[in-house]
C-alpha atoms as a PDB file:
ATOM      1  CA  MET A   1      11.356  -2.052  56.679  1.00  0.00           C
ATOM      2  CA  ARG A   2       7.930  -3.743  56.696  1.00  0.00           C
ATOM      3  CA  LYS A   3       6.394  -0.586  55.249  1.00  0.00           C
ATOM      4  CA  GLN A   4       8.891  -0.623  52.372  1.00  0.00           C
ATOM      5  CA  ILE A   5       8.187  -4.305  51.606  1.00  0.00           C
ATOM      6  CA  ALA A   6       4.441  -3.707  51.777  1.00  0.00           C
ATOM      7  CA  ALA A   7       4.755  -0.672  49.503  1.00  0.00           C
ATOM      8  CA  GLY A   8       6.882  -2.689  47.039  1.00  0.00           C
ATOM      9  CA  LEU A   9       4.370  -5.535  46.999  1.00  0.00           C
ATOM     10  CA  LEU A  10       1.510  -3.092  46.515  1.00  0.00           C
ATOM     11  CA  LEU A  11       3.326  -1.429  43.602  1.00  0.00           C
ATOM     12  CA  ALA A  12       4.101  -4.811  41.997  1.00  0.00           C
ATOM     13  CA  LEU A  13       0.451  -5.851  42.354  1.00  0.00           C
ATOM     14  CA  PHE A  14      -0.717  -2.567  40.805  1.00  0.00           C
ATOM     15  CA  LEU A  15       1.654  -2.874  37.846  1.00  0.00           C
ATOM     16  CA  THR A  16       0.718  -6.516  37.220  1.00  0.00           C
ATOM     17  CA  THR A  17      -3.014  -5.755  37.360  1.00  0.00           C
ATOM     18  CA  THR A  18      -2.694  -2.704  35.082  1.00  0.00           C
ATOM     19  CA  SER A  19      -0.604  -4.624  32.561  1.00  0.00           C
ATOM     20  CA  ALA A  20      -3.091  -7.521  32.519  1.00  0.00           C
ATOM     21  CA  LEU A  21      -6.025  -5.135  31.985  1.00  0.00           C
ATOM     22  CA  LEU A  22      -4.280  -3.391  29.082  1.00  0.00           C
ATOM     23  CA  MET A  23      -3.483  -6.710  27.409  1.00  0.00           C
ATOM     24  CA  ALA A  24      -7.069  -7.906  27.861  1.00  0.00           C
ATOM     25  CA  GLN A  25      -8.410  -4.724  26.230  1.00  0.00           C
ATOM     26  CA  GLN A  26      -6.057  -5.074  23.262  1.00  0.00           C
ATOM     27  CA  ASN A  27      -6.894  -8.753  22.738  1.00  0.00           C
ATOM     28  CA  SER A  28     -10.628  -8.621  23.381  1.00  0.00           C
ATOM     29  CA  PRO A  29     -12.792  -9.909  20.495  1.00  0.00           C
ATOM     30  CA  GLY A  30     -14.883  -6.727  20.458  1.00  0.00           C
ATOM     31  CA  ALA A  31     -11.892  -4.464  19.990  1.00  0.00           C
ATOM     32  CA  ALA A  32     -11.253  -4.058  16.256  1.00  0.00           C
ATOM     33  CA  PRO A  33      -7.633  -3.348  15.378  1.00  0.00           C
ATOM     34  CA  SER A  34      -7.211  -0.143  13.447  1.00  0.00           C
ATOM     35  CA  TYR A  35      -6.715  -0.597   9.709  1.00  0.00           C
ATOM     36  CA  THR A  36      -4.206   1.427   7.724  1.00  0.00           C
ATOM     37  CA  PRO A  37      -5.408   1.947   4.121  1.00  0.00           C
ATOM     38  CA  LYS A  38      -3.027   0.498   1.535  1.00  0.00           C
ATOM     39  CA  PHE A  39      -3.616   3.280  -1.026  1.00  0.00           C
ATOM     40  CA  PRO A  40      -5.720   6.463  -1.376  1.00  0.00           C
ATOM     41  CA  GLY A  41      -9.398   5.526  -1.614  1.00  0.00           C
ATOM     42  CA  ASP A  42      -8.826   1.981  -0.299  1.00  0.00           C
ATOM     43  CA  PRO A  43     -12.343   0.590   0.418  1.00  0.00           C
ATOM     44  CA  ALA A  44     -11.103  -2.221   2.720  1.00  0.00           C
ATOM     45  CA  HIS A  45     -12.004  -2.275   6.418  1.00  0.00           C
ATOM     46  CA  SER A  46      -9.200  -4.684   7.434  1.00  0.00           C
ATOM     47  CA  ASP A  47      -6.066  -6.408   6.206  1.00  0.00           C
ATOM     48  CA  SER A  48      -8.193  -9.498   5.410  1.00  0.00           C
ATOM     49  CA  GLU A  49     -10.498  -7.432   3.216  1.00  0.00           C
ATOM     50  CA  ALA A  50      -7.505  -5.795   1.547  1.00  0.00           C
ATOM     51  CA  VAL A  51      -6.180  -9.236   0.572  1.00  0.00           C
ATOM     52  CA  ALA A  52      -9.599 -10.350  -0.740  1.00  0.00           C
ATOM     53  CA  LEU A  53     -10.040  -7.152  -2.761  1.00  0.00           C
ATOM     54  CA  ALA A  54      -6.506  -7.407  -4.174  1.00  0.00           C
ATOM     55  CA  TYR A  55      -7.290 -10.964  -5.294  1.00  0.00           C
ATOM     56  CA  MET A  56     -10.471  -9.735  -6.992  1.00  0.00           C
ATOM     57  CA  ARG A  57      -8.602  -6.962  -8.806  1.00  0.00           C
ATOM     58  CA  VAL A  58      -6.064  -9.483 -10.132  1.00  0.00           C
ATOM     59  CA  VAL A  59      -8.851 -11.777 -11.409  1.00  0.00           C
ATOM     60  CA  ILE A  60     -10.781  -8.904 -13.025  1.00  0.00           C
ATOM     61  CA  ARG A  61      -7.654  -7.607 -14.787  1.00  0.00           C
ATOM     62  CA  ALA A  62      -6.679 -11.118 -15.895  1.00  0.00           C
ATOM     63  CA  GLN A  63     -10.172 -11.689 -17.309  1.00  0.00           C
ATOM     64  CA  LYS A  64      -9.984  -8.399 -19.242  1.00  0.00           C
ATOM     65  CA  GLN A  65      -6.611  -9.396 -20.672  1.00  0.00           C
ATOM     66  CA  PHE A  66      -7.783 -12.954 -21.448  1.00  0.00           C
ATOM     67  CA  ASN A  67     -10.893 -11.627 -23.217  1.00  0.00           C
ATOM     68  CA  LYS A  68      -8.803  -9.189 -25.252  1.00  0.00           C
ATOM     69  CA  GLN A  69      -6.355 -11.923 -26.247  1.00  0.00           C
ATOM     70  CA  TYR A  70      -8.796 -14.790 -26.973  1.00  0.00           C
ATOM     71  CA  GLY A  71     -12.081 -13.024 -27.702  1.00  0.00           C
ATOM     72  CA  HIS A  72     -13.872 -14.596 -24.727  1.00  0.00           C
ATOM     73  CA  TYR A  73     -13.597 -14.879 -20.955  1.00  0.00           C
ATOM     74  CA  ALA A  74     -11.915 -17.769 -19.158  1.00  0.00           C
ATOM     75  CA  THR A  75     -14.450 -20.323 -17.989  1.00  0.00           C
ATOM     76  CA  SER A  76     -12.315 -21.475 -15.042  1.00  0.00           C
ATOM     77  CA  LEU A  77      -9.716 -19.922 -12.778  1.00  0.00           C
ATOM     78  CA  ALA A  78      -7.192 -22.503 -13.996  1.00  0.00           C
ATOM     79  CA  GLU A  79      -7.450 -21.009 -17.517  1.00  0.00           C
ATOM     80  CA  LEU A  80      -6.277 -17.664 -16.118  1.00  0.00           C
ATOM     81  CA  VAL A  81      -2.932 -19.020 -14.855  1.00  0.00           C
ATOM     82  CA  HIS A  82      -0.095 -16.916 -16.356  1.00  0.00           C
ATOM     83  CA  THR A  83      -2.539 -14.245 -17.554  1.00  0.00           C
ATOM     84  CA  GLY A  84      -1.526 -10.917 -16.091  1.00  0.00           C
ATOM     85  CA  SER A  85      -0.524 -11.427 -12.449  1.00  0.00           C
ATOM     86  CA  PHE A  86      -2.706 -14.510 -11.951  1.00  0.00           C
ATOM     87  CA  THR A  87      -0.622 -17.428 -10.625  1.00  0.00           C
ATOM     88  CA  LYS A  88      -1.236 -21.149 -10.210  1.00  0.00           C
ATOM     89  CA  ARG A  89      -1.465 -20.656  -6.439  1.00  0.00           C
ATOM     90  CA  MET A  90      -4.462 -18.342  -6.948  1.00  0.00           C
ATOM     91  CA  VAL A  91      -6.580 -21.221  -8.315  1.00  0.00           C
ATOM     92  CA  ASN A  92      -6.962 -22.440  -4.708  1.00  0.00           C
ATOM     93  CA  PRO A  93     -10.473 -21.440  -3.537  1.00  0.00           C
ATOM     94  CA  GLN A  94      -9.240 -20.682   0.002  1.00  0.00           C
ATOM     95  CA  GLN A  95      -7.592 -17.265   0.008  1.00  0.00           C
ATOM     96  CA  GLY A  96      -6.808 -16.071   3.532  1.00  0.00           C
ATOM     97  CA  ASP A  97     -10.024 -15.611   5.533  1.00  0.00           C
ATOM     98  CA  TYR A  98     -12.085 -15.875   2.329  1.00  0.00           C
ATOM     99  CA  THR A  99     -13.445 -18.558   0.019  1.00  0.00           C
ATOM    100  CA  VAL A 100     -13.454 -17.797  -3.701  1.00  0.00           C
ATOM    101  CA  GLY A 101     -16.522 -18.483  -5.812  1.00  0.00           C
ATOM    102  CA  PHE A 102     -16.171 -18.347  -9.587  1.00  0.00           C
ATOM    103  CA  LYS A 103     -18.501 -19.112 -12.476  1.00  0.00           C
ATOM    104  CA  GLY A 104     -17.281 -18.405 -15.977  1.00  0.00           C
ATOM    105  CA  LYS A 105     -18.901 -18.522 -19.396  1.00  0.00           C
ATOM    106  CA  LYS A 106     -17.372 -17.361 -22.664  1.00  0.00           C
ATOM    107  CA  ASP A 107     -19.451 -14.163 -22.653  1.00  0.00           C
ATOM    108  CA  SER A 108     -19.498 -13.394 -18.898  1.00  0.00           C
ATOM    109  CA  TYR A 109     -18.288 -14.413 -15.447  1.00  0.00           C
ATOM    110  CA  PHE A 110     -18.856 -13.643 -11.807  1.00  0.00           C
ATOM    111  CA  LEU A 111     -16.544 -13.800  -8.839  1.00  0.00           C
ATOM    112  CA  THR A 112     -17.407 -13.875  -5.132  1.00  0.00           C
ATOM    113  CA  MET A 113     -15.315 -13.673  -2.001  1.00  0.00           C
ATOM    114  CA  THR A 114     -17.098 -15.040   1.059  1.00  0.00           C
ATOM    115  CA  PRO A 115     -15.498 -14.599   4.493  1.00  0.00           C
ATOM    116  CA  ASP A 116     -15.146 -17.521   6.890  1.00  0.00           C
ATOM    117  CA  HIS A 117     -17.146 -15.362   9.320  1.00  0.00           C
ATOM    118  CA  MET A 118     -18.907 -12.106   8.569  1.00  0.00           C
ATOM    119  CA  ASP A 119     -18.397  -9.046  10.779  1.00  0.00           C
ATOM    120  CA  ASP A 120     -17.467  -5.357  10.505  1.00  0.00           C
ATOM    121  CA  THR A 121     -14.026  -6.228   9.130  1.00  0.00           C
ATOM    122  CA  HIS A 122     -15.050  -9.193   6.933  1.00  0.00           C
ATOM    123  CA  ARG A 123     -17.667  -8.231   4.347  1.00  0.00           C
ATOM    124  CA  SER A 124     -18.626 -10.388   1.377  1.00  0.00           C
ATOM    125  CA  PHE A 125     -17.713  -9.241  -2.147  1.00  0.00           C
ATOM    126  CA  TYR A 126     -19.070  -9.772  -5.665  1.00  0.00           C
ATOM    127  CA  ALA A 127     -17.826  -8.769  -9.129  1.00  0.00           C
ATOM    128  CA  ASN A 128     -18.662  -9.660 -12.705  1.00  0.00           C
ATOM    129  CA  ASP A 129     -17.486  -8.735 -16.189  1.00  0.00           C
ATOM    130  CA  ASP A 130     -18.500  -5.066 -15.729  1.00  0.00           C
ATOM    131  CA  GLY A 131     -15.472  -4.646 -13.405  1.00  0.00           C
ATOM    132  CA  LYS A 132     -17.476  -3.270 -10.465  1.00  0.00           C
ATOM    133  CA  ILE A 133     -16.811  -4.713  -7.004  1.00  0.00           C
ATOM    134  CA  HIS A 134     -19.852  -4.870  -4.721  1.00  0.00           C
ATOM    135  CA  ALA A 135     -19.795  -5.393  -0.931  1.00  0.00           C
ATOM    136  CA  ASP A 136     -22.296  -6.457   1.693  1.00  0.00           C
ATOM    137  CA  ASP A 137     -21.794  -6.655   5.448  1.00  0.00           C
ATOM    138  CA  SER A 138     -24.914  -8.686   6.284  1.00  0.00           C
ATOM    139  CA  LYS A 139     -25.312 -11.314   3.541  1.00  0.00           C
ATOM    140  CA  ALA A 140     -23.634 -12.717   0.451  1.00  0.00           C
ATOM    141  CA  ALA A 141     -22.861  -9.820  -1.891  1.00  0.00           C
ATOM    142  CA  ASP A 142     -24.440  -9.801  -5.347  1.00  0.00           C
ATOM    143  CA  GLU A 143     -24.981  -7.411  -8.280  1.00  0.00           C
ATOM    144  CA  ASN A 144     -27.519  -5.464  -6.189  1.00  0.00           C
ATOM    145  CA  SER A 145     -25.100  -4.796  -3.313  1.00  0.00           C
ATOM    146  CA  PRO A 146     -23.454  -1.368  -3.063  1.00  0.00           C
ATOM    147  CA  VAL A 147     -20.526  -0.767  -5.422  1.00  0.00           C
ATOM    148  CA  ILE A 148     -17.300   0.015  -3.567  1.00  0.00           C
ATOM    149  CA  SER A 149     -14.805  -0.020  -6.441  1.00  0.00           C
ATOM    150  CA  LYS A 150     -14.536  -0.121 -10.242  1.00  0.00           C
ATOM    151  CA  ILE A 151     -11.619  -1.706 -12.080  1.00  0.00           C
END
């Protein structure tokens, strides 16, 4: 009887330890969760990047439509509200794990998405009126950063 109790306790200890180790591996900061691309050719490395890039695509398309309709670009994000898919909520500079930067003039604009913290799954992004999205994984992206997408 003592052998059965000891064996049961040993098994329970083994299962508890194994379960704790598996959970620690899954939740460790160094372990990057796998990302499932949202569409063929998706350049994002994470769900956070996918959200930031989707935001950028909406702004770029809205600026193209605004320019076509009014003959110039919007000089603020607030001017883009109700243009294309751009909503009032999108004027907020905090979008998920990213902060939006926008500077508009009638003949040009630029848009940046800066992550709260930069790592392999949170790159910085830059776009301007040429419709190209640039990314950088080590510093703030700019027009000289590699192009990852064209709208």
